[in-house]
């Protein structure tokens, strides 16, 4: 369980910094305070978690597939 949480938060940080690098470097507090009024694809404040869950599921699916393929050989 702890390993999955580390993966989840790692993906979250990677996406947050990767997508909003200039905002995190220039004005991080204002960027966080503007989160309630954000509107990525109409998802509002929940968009970071929704995108992280989607990316997490994709990564876990890839890990699952790689393990299955390794078991075949």
C-alpha atoms as a PDB file:
ATOM      1  CA  UNK A   1       0.000   0.000   0.000  1.00  0.00           C
ATOM      2  CA  UNK A   2       2.802   2.394   0.850  1.00  0.00           C
ATOM      3  CA  UNK A   3       4.449   1.711  -2.514  1.00  0.00           C
ATOM      4  CA  UNK A   4       1.237   2.641  -4.352  1.00  0.00           C
ATOM      5  CA  UNK A   5       0.922   5.874  -2.352  1.00  0.00           C
ATOM      6  CA  UNK A   6       4.494   6.790  -3.248  1.00  0.00           C
ATOM      7  CA  UNK A   7       3.700   6.119  -6.921  1.00  0.00           C
ATOM      8  CA  UNK A   8       0.519   8.191  -6.706  1.00  0.00           C
ATOM      9  CA  UNK A   9       2.161  11.212  -5.052  1.00  0.00           C
ATOM     10  CA  UNK A  10       5.162  10.938  -7.367  1.00  0.00           C
ATOM     11  CA  UNK A  11       2.873  11.076 -10.394  1.00  0.00           C
ATOM     12  CA  UNK A  12       0.971  13.964  -8.803  1.00  0.00           C
ATOM     13  CA  UNK A  13       4.149  15.995  -8.265  1.00  0.00           C
ATOM     14  CA  UNK A  14       5.490  15.134 -11.711  1.00  0.00           C
ATOM     15  CA  UNK A  15       2.279  16.287 -13.394  1.00  0.00           C
ATOM     16  CA  UNK A  16       1.862  19.385 -11.210  1.00  0.00           C
ATOM     17  CA  UNK A  17       5.410  20.619 -11.744  1.00  0.00           C
ATOM     18  CA  UNK A  18       5.541  19.494 -15.370  1.00  0.00           C
ATOM     19  CA  UNK A  19       2.341  21.228 -16.420  1.00  0.00           C
ATOM     20  CA  UNK A  20       2.741  24.386 -14.324  1.00  0.00           C
ATOM     21  CA  UNK A  21       6.503  24.782 -13.984  1.00  0.00           C
ATOM     22  CA  UNK A  22       6.643  28.529 -14.574  1.00  0.00           C
ATOM     23  CA  UNK A  23       3.818  29.160 -12.079  1.00  0.00           C
ATOM     24  CA  UNK A  24       5.504  27.026  -9.415  1.00  0.00           C
ATOM     25  CA  UNK A  25       8.774  28.896  -9.898  1.00  0.00           C
ATOM     26  CA  UNK A  26       7.426  32.439 -10.092  1.00  0.00           C
ATOM     27  CA  UNK A  27       4.410  32.539  -7.749  1.00  0.00           C
ATOM     28  CA  UNK A  28       3.661  29.189  -6.045  1.00  0.00           C
ATOM     29  CA  UNK A  29       1.433  30.514  -3.234  1.00  0.00           C
ATOM     30  CA  UNK A  30      -0.804  32.469  -5.596  1.00  0.00           C
ATOM     31  CA  UNK A  31      -0.973  29.420  -7.855  1.00  0.00           C
ATOM     32  CA  UNK A  32      -2.222  27.248  -4.994  1.00  0.00           C
ATOM     33  CA  UNK A  33      -4.694  29.905  -3.848  1.00  0.00           C
ATOM     34  CA  UNK A  34      -6.166  30.078  -7.371  1.00  0.00           C
ATOM     35  CA  UNK A  35      -6.918  26.338  -7.399  1.00  0.00           C
ATOM     36  CA  UNK A  36     -10.580  26.677  -6.307  1.00  0.00           C
ATOM     37  CA  UNK A  37     -11.312  28.890  -9.288  1.00  0.00           C
ATOM     38  CA  UNK A  38      -9.370  26.810 -11.805  1.00  0.00           C
ATOM     39  CA  UNK A  39     -11.277  25.303 -14.654  1.00  0.00           C
ATOM     40  CA  UNK A  40      -9.371  22.696 -16.623  1.00  0.00           C
ATOM     41  CA  UNK A  41     -11.922  21.053 -18.923  1.00  0.00           C
ATOM     42  CA  UNK A  42     -14.728  22.084 -16.587  1.00  0.00           C
ATOM     43  CA  UNK A  43     -13.380  19.924 -13.754  1.00  0.00           C
ATOM     44  CA  UNK A  44     -12.634  22.843 -11.440  1.00  0.00           C
ATOM     45  CA  UNK A  45     -10.732  22.271  -8.240  1.00  0.00           C
ATOM     46  CA  UNK A  46     -10.669  18.468  -8.624  1.00  0.00           C
ATOM     47  CA  UNK A  47      -8.739  18.485 -11.910  1.00  0.00           C
ATOM     48  CA  UNK A  48      -5.311  17.704 -10.388  1.00  0.00           C
ATOM     49  CA  UNK A  49      -6.647  14.612  -8.646  1.00  0.00           C
ATOM     50  CA  UNK A  50      -8.659  13.434 -11.645  1.00  0.00           C
ATOM     51  CA  UNK A  51      -5.670  13.723 -13.984  1.00  0.00           C
ATOM     52  CA  UNK A  52      -3.425  12.035 -11.413  1.00  0.00           C
ATOM     53  CA  UNK A  53      -5.842   9.122 -11.025  1.00  0.00           C
ATOM     54  CA  UNK A  54      -5.991   8.685 -14.796  1.00  0.00           C
ATOM     55  CA  UNK A  55      -2.181   8.746 -15.104  1.00  0.00           C
ATOM     56  CA  UNK A  56      -1.851   6.396 -12.107  1.00  0.00           C
ATOM     57  CA  UNK A  57      -4.244   3.890 -13.682  1.00  0.00           C
ATOM     58  CA  UNK A  58      -2.325   3.998 -16.959  1.00  0.00           C
ATOM     59  CA  UNK A  59       0.998   3.433 -15.177  1.00  0.00           C
ATOM     60  CA  UNK A  60      -0.429   0.576 -13.097  1.00  0.00           C
ATOM     61  CA  UNK A  61      -1.908  -1.013 -16.238  1.00  0.00           C
ATOM     62  CA  UNK A  62       1.491  -0.849 -17.933  1.00  0.00           C
ATOM     63  CA  UNK A  63       3.196  -2.390 -14.894  1.00  0.00           C
ATOM     64  CA  UNK A  64       0.575  -5.155 -14.827  1.00  0.00           C
ATOM     65  CA  UNK A  65       1.038  -5.883 -18.528  1.00  0.00           C
ATOM     66  CA  UNK A  66       4.836  -5.969 -18.242  1.00  0.00           C
ATOM     67  CA  UNK A  67       4.602  -8.440 -15.337  1.00  0.00           C
ATOM     68  CA  UNK A  68       2.199 -10.657 -17.297  1.00  0.00           C
ATOM     69  CA  UNK A  69       4.453 -10.610 -20.353  1.00  0.00           C
ATOM     70  CA  UNK A  70       7.496 -11.468 -18.225  1.00  0.00           C
ATOM     71  CA  UNK A  71       5.618 -14.449 -16.770  1.00  0.00           C
ATOM     72  CA  UNK A  72       5.012 -15.787 -20.255  1.00  0.00           C
ATOM     73  CA  UNK A  73       8.730 -16.053 -20.983  1.00  0.00           C
END
